[in-house]
Amino acid sequence: MEYVVHVTPAAWKEMKALPGHMRQRVRKAVDDLADEPRPSKSKKLDIPDLPTEVRRLRLDRWRIVYAVSDAEETVDVFAIRKRPPYDYGDLESILKDFPS
């Protein structure tokens, strides 16, 4: 089963601002989410009151934050952030407009 991957405008802008070598790796990782939305290097994030599963995928010091909806067979990429300093503090504001 192949999922449809959506990248939000904010995440797309973050992806375009990445250094060249990292941008290519992130693009490939995002494309690969269509075939495997829960790769072994991903981790489920504990987000209450959200009907979809929110995950993060780690690529070196970068994190791809996305949601997986099995019912709709979609993956929504919300953010691409560098850690540290990123600490997921803005996660609620990123997900506030996510449809329930």
N, C-alpha and C. Protein backbone atom coordinates (compact mmCIF):
# COMPACT_ATOMS: atom_id res chain seq x y z
N MET A 1 0.84 -1.17 0.00
CA MET A 1 0.00 0.00 0.00
C MET A 1 0.90 1.24 0.00
N GLU A 2 0.61 2.15 -0.88
CA GLU A 2 1.39 3.38 -0.96
C GLU A 2 0.57 4.55 -0.42
N TYR A 3 1.19 5.32 0.46
CA TYR A 3 0.56 6.49 1.06
C TYR A 3 0.82 7.72 0.20
N VAL A 4 -0.08 8.69 0.29
CA VAL A 4 0.11 9.98 -0.39
C VAL A 4 0.79 10.90 0.60
N VAL A 5 1.90 11.51 0.19
CA VAL A 5 2.67 12.39 1.07
C VAL A 5 2.36 13.84 0.73
N HIS A 6 1.93 14.60 1.76
CA HIS A 6 1.69 16.03 1.63
C HIS A 6 2.74 16.76 2.46
N VAL A 7 3.34 17.79 1.91
CA VAL A 7 4.29 18.61 2.64
C VAL A 7 3.66 19.99 2.80
N THR A 8 3.52 20.46 4.03
CA THR A 8 2.92 21.77 4.26
C THR A 8 3.82 22.86 3.66
N PRO A 9 3.24 24.01 3.34
CA PRO A 9 4.07 25.11 2.82
C PRO A 9 5.21 25.50 3.77
N ALA A 10 4.95 25.48 5.06
CA ALA A 10 6.00 25.84 6.03
C ALA A 10 7.13 24.81 5.99
N ALA A 11 6.79 23.52 5.93
CA ALA A 11 7.81 22.48 5.88
C ALA A 11 8.56 22.53 4.55
N TRP A 12 7.86 22.86 3.47
CA TRP A 12 8.51 22.98 2.17
C TRP A 12 9.54 24.10 2.19
N LYS A 13 9.18 25.21 2.82
CA LYS A 13 10.10 26.34 2.94
C LYS A 13 11.32 25.94 3.77
N GLU A 14 11.09 25.21 4.87
CA GLU A 14 12.19 24.74 5.71
C GLU A 14 13.10 23.78 4.93
N MET A 15 12.50 22.94 4.10
CA MET A 15 13.28 21.98 3.32
C MET A 15 14.16 22.72 2.30
N LYS A 16 13.60 23.74 1.67
CA LYS A 16 14.37 24.48 0.66
C LYS A 16 15.53 25.26 1.29
N ALA A 17 15.44 25.59 2.58
CA ALA A 17 16.49 26.35 3.26
C ALA A 17 17.61 25.47 3.81
N LEU A 18 17.47 24.15 3.71
CA LEU A 18 18.49 23.24 4.22
C LEU A 18 19.77 23.32 3.40
N PRO A 19 20.90 22.96 4.01
CA PRO A 19 22.14 22.84 3.22
C PRO A 19 21.94 21.79 2.13
N GLY A 20 22.62 21.95 0.99
CA GLY A 20 22.41 21.10 -0.18
C GLY A 20 22.44 19.61 0.07
N HIS A 21 23.46 19.12 0.77
CA HIS A 21 23.56 17.67 1.00
C HIS A 21 22.43 17.18 1.89
N MET A 22 22.01 17.99 2.85
CA MET A 22 20.93 17.59 3.76
C MET A 22 19.58 17.68 3.06
N ARG A 23 19.43 18.68 2.21
CA ARG A 23 18.17 18.85 1.47
C ARG A 23 17.89 17.60 0.65
N GLN A 24 18.91 17.05 -0.01
CA GLN A 24 18.73 15.84 -0.81
C GLN A 24 18.34 14.65 0.05
N ARG A 25 18.99 14.51 1.20
CA ARG A 25 18.66 13.39 2.10
C ARG A 25 17.24 13.52 2.66
N VAL A 26 16.85 14.74 3.02
CA VAL A 26 15.50 14.96 3.56
C VAL A 26 14.46 14.69 2.48
N ARG A 27 14.69 15.18 1.27
CA ARG A 27 13.74 14.93 0.18
C ARG A 27 13.55 13.44 -0.06
N LYS A 28 14.65 12.71 -0.06
CA LYS A 28 14.55 11.26 -0.27
C LYS A 28 13.79 10.59 0.88
N ALA A 29 14.08 11.01 2.11
CA ALA A 29 13.39 10.44 3.27
C ALA A 29 11.90 10.74 3.22
N VAL A 30 11.53 11.96 2.82
CA VAL A 30 10.11 12.32 2.70
C VAL A 30 9.46 11.49 1.60
N ASP A 31 10.12 11.35 0.47
CA ASP A 31 9.57 10.52 -0.62
C ASP A 31 9.40 9.07 -0.17
N ASP A 32 10.34 8.56 0.61
CA ASP A 32 10.28 7.18 1.08
C ASP A 32 9.13 6.93 2.05
N LEU A 33 8.62 7.99 2.67
CA LEU A 33 7.48 7.82 3.60
C LEU A 33 6.24 7.30 2.88
N ALA A 34 6.16 7.48 1.58
CA ALA A 34 5.01 6.96 0.82
C ALA A 34 4.98 5.44 0.88
N ASP A 35 6.14 4.80 0.83
CA ASP A 35 6.21 3.34 0.87
C ASP A 35 6.26 2.79 2.29
N GLU A 36 6.90 3.52 3.19
CA GLU A 36 7.06 3.07 4.58
C GLU A 36 6.89 4.27 5.51
N PRO A 37 5.64 4.52 5.97
CA PRO A 37 5.40 5.69 6.83
C PRO A 37 5.95 5.55 8.25
N ARG A 38 6.36 4.36 8.61
CA ARG A 38 6.93 4.13 9.95
C ARG A 38 8.30 3.45 9.85
N PRO A 39 9.29 4.16 9.26
CA PRO A 39 10.61 3.53 9.14
C PRO A 39 11.22 3.27 10.51
N SER A 40 12.21 2.40 10.54
CA SER A 40 12.80 1.99 11.82
C SER A 40 13.44 3.15 12.59
N LYS A 41 13.89 4.19 11.90
CA LYS A 41 14.50 5.33 12.60
C LYS A 41 13.47 6.37 13.04
N SER A 42 12.20 6.10 12.83
CA SER A 42 11.17 7.04 13.27
C SER A 42 10.68 6.68 14.67
N LYS A 43 10.08 7.66 15.32
CA LYS A 43 9.58 7.46 16.68
C LYS A 43 8.22 8.12 16.81
N LYS A 44 7.30 7.43 17.46
CA LYS A 44 5.97 7.99 17.69
C LYS A 44 6.07 9.03 18.81
N LEU A 45 5.47 10.21 18.57
CA LEU A 45 5.44 11.27 19.57
C LEU A 45 4.14 11.20 20.34
N ASP A 46 4.19 11.46 21.61
CA ASP A 46 3.00 11.39 22.46
C ASP A 46 2.24 12.71 22.39
N ILE A 47 1.22 12.75 21.53
CA ILE A 47 0.39 13.93 21.34
C ILE A 47 -1.05 13.54 21.69
N PRO A 48 -1.57 14.03 22.81
CA PRO A 48 -2.95 13.66 23.19
C PRO A 48 -3.98 14.38 22.32
N ASP A 49 -5.16 13.82 22.26
CA ASP A 49 -6.32 14.40 21.58
C ASP A 49 -6.12 14.63 20.08
N LEU A 50 -5.36 13.79 19.45
CA LEU A 50 -5.18 13.89 18.01
C LEU A 50 -5.47 12.52 17.42
N PRO A 51 -6.39 12.44 16.46
CA PRO A 51 -6.79 11.12 15.95
C PRO A 51 -5.75 10.43 15.08
N THR A 52 -4.74 11.17 14.64
CA THR A 52 -3.71 10.55 13.81
C THR A 52 -2.43 10.37 14.62
N GLU A 53 -1.57 9.56 14.10
CA GLU A 53 -0.30 9.26 14.76
C GLU A 53 0.75 10.27 14.30
N VAL A 54 1.34 10.99 15.25
CA VAL A 54 2.40 11.96 14.93
C VAL A 54 3.74 11.30 15.22
N ARG A 55 4.65 11.42 14.26
CA ARG A 55 5.96 10.77 14.37
C ARG A 55 7.04 11.77 14.02
N ARG A 56 8.26 11.40 14.38
CA ARG A 56 9.42 12.16 13.94
C ARG A 56 10.44 11.18 13.39
N LEU A 57 11.09 11.62 12.34
CA LEU A 57 12.13 10.83 11.69
C LEU A 57 13.44 11.56 11.88
N ARG A 58 14.41 10.87 12.37
CA ARG A 58 15.71 11.46 12.66
C ARG A 58 16.68 11.21 11.51
N LEU A 59 17.29 12.30 11.04
CA LEU A 59 18.36 12.23 10.05
C LEU A 59 19.51 13.06 10.60
N ASP A 60 20.49 12.40 11.14
CA ASP A 60 21.60 13.08 11.82
C ASP A 60 21.03 14.02 12.88
N ARG A 61 21.30 15.32 12.76
CA ARG A 61 20.79 16.28 13.75
C ARG A 61 19.46 16.90 13.34
N TRP A 62 18.90 16.47 12.25
CA TRP A 62 17.64 17.02 11.75
C TRP A 62 16.48 16.10 12.09
N ARG A 63 15.30 16.70 12.28
CA ARG A 63 14.08 15.95 12.58
C ARG A 63 12.99 16.33 11.58
N ILE A 64 12.35 15.31 11.03
CA ILE A 64 11.19 15.50 10.17
C ILE A 64 9.97 15.13 11.01
N VAL A 65 9.07 16.07 11.22
CA VAL A 65 7.88 15.84 12.03
C VAL A 65 6.69 15.67 11.09
N TYR A 66 5.97 14.56 11.25
CA TYR A 66 4.88 14.26 10.32
C TYR A 66 3.79 13.45 11.01
N ALA A 67 2.63 13.40 10.37
CA ALA A 67 1.49 12.63 10.87
C ALA A 67 1.13 11.55 9.85
N VAL A 68 0.72 10.42 10.37
CA VAL A 68 0.32 9.29 9.52
C VAL A 68 -1.16 9.02 9.76
N SER A 69 -1.93 8.97 8.68
CA SER A 69 -3.34 8.61 8.76
C SER A 69 -3.54 7.33 7.95
N ASP A 70 -3.75 6.22 8.66
CA ASP A 70 -3.96 4.94 7.98
C ASP A 70 -5.31 4.90 7.27
N ALA A 71 -6.31 5.54 7.87
CA ALA A 71 -7.64 5.53 7.28
C ALA A 71 -7.65 6.22 5.91
N GLU A 72 -6.93 7.33 5.82
CA GLU A 72 -6.88 8.09 4.57
C GLU A 72 -5.66 7.75 3.72
N GLU A 73 -4.77 6.93 4.27
CA GLU A 73 -3.53 6.54 3.60
C GLU A 73 -2.72 7.77 3.18
N THR A 74 -2.54 8.69 4.16
CA THR A 74 -1.77 9.91 3.90
C THR A 74 -0.69 10.10 4.94
N VAL A 75 0.35 10.81 4.54
CA VAL A 75 1.41 11.27 5.43
C VAL A 75 1.51 12.77 5.24
N ASP A 76 1.39 13.52 6.33
CA ASP A 76 1.47 14.98 6.28
C ASP A 76 2.74 15.43 6.98
N VAL A 77 3.66 16.03 6.24
CA VAL A 77 4.92 16.52 6.80
C VAL A 77 4.71 17.95 7.26
N PHE A 78 4.96 18.21 8.57
CA PHE A 78 4.69 19.52 9.16
C PHE A 78 5.94 20.37 9.36
N ALA A 79 7.06 19.75 9.69
CA ALA A 79 8.24 20.54 10.05
C ALA A 79 9.51 19.76 9.80
N ILE A 80 10.57 20.50 9.52
CA ILE A 80 11.91 19.94 9.40
C ILE A 80 12.81 20.85 10.22
N ARG A 81 13.28 20.34 11.35
CA ARG A 81 14.00 21.17 12.32
C ARG A 81 15.31 20.54 12.73
N LYS A 82 16.24 21.41 13.13
CA LYS A 82 17.55 20.96 13.60
C LYS A 82 17.52 20.83 15.11
N ARG A 83 18.09 19.74 15.60
CA ARG A 83 18.14 19.50 17.04
C ARG A 83 19.56 19.21 17.43
N PRO A 84 20.14 19.80 18.46
CA PRO A 84 19.58 20.95 19.14
C PRO A 84 19.66 22.19 18.26
N PRO A 85 18.95 23.20 18.47
CA PRO A 85 18.23 23.62 19.66
C PRO A 85 16.76 23.21 19.67
N TYR A 86 16.23 22.61 18.59
CA TYR A 86 14.80 22.32 18.54
C TYR A 86 14.42 21.34 19.63
N ASP A 87 13.33 21.66 20.37
CA ASP A 87 12.91 20.82 21.50
C ASP A 87 11.44 20.43 21.42
N TYR A 88 10.81 20.56 20.25
CA TYR A 88 9.40 20.21 20.04
C TYR A 88 8.45 21.13 20.81
N GLY A 89 8.93 22.26 21.31
CA GLY A 89 8.09 23.18 22.07
C GLY A 89 6.98 23.82 21.25
N ASP A 90 7.16 23.92 19.94
CA ASP A 90 6.13 24.53 19.10
C ASP A 90 5.23 23.51 18.42
N LEU A 91 5.32 22.27 18.85
CA LEU A 91 4.56 21.20 18.20
C LEU A 91 3.06 21.43 18.25
N GLU A 92 2.55 21.88 19.39
CA GLU A 92 1.10 22.12 19.49
C GLU A 92 0.65 23.20 18.52
N SER A 93 1.45 24.27 18.38
CA SER A 93 1.05 25.34 17.46
C SER A 93 1.14 24.87 16.00
N ILE A 94 2.09 24.00 15.71
CA ILE A 94 2.20 23.45 14.35
C ILE A 94 0.97 22.61 14.02
N LEU A 95 0.51 21.83 15.00
CA LEU A 95 -0.58 20.87 14.76
C LEU A 95 -1.96 21.44 15.01
N LYS A 96 -2.07 22.69 15.47
CA LYS A 96 -3.38 23.24 15.84
C LYS A 96 -4.35 23.31 14.67
N ASP A 97 -3.84 23.52 13.46
CA ASP A 97 -4.71 23.62 12.30
C ASP A 97 -4.91 22.29 11.59
N PHE A 98 -4.34 21.23 12.17
CA PHE A 98 -4.48 19.92 11.57
C PHE A 98 -5.92 19.46 11.71
N PRO A 99 -6.56 19.02 10.63
CA PRO A 99 -7.96 18.60 10.72
C PRO A 99 -8.10 17.35 11.58
N SER A 100 -9.13 17.34 12.40
CA SER A 100 -9.39 16.19 13.29
C SER A 100 -10.12 15.09 12.57
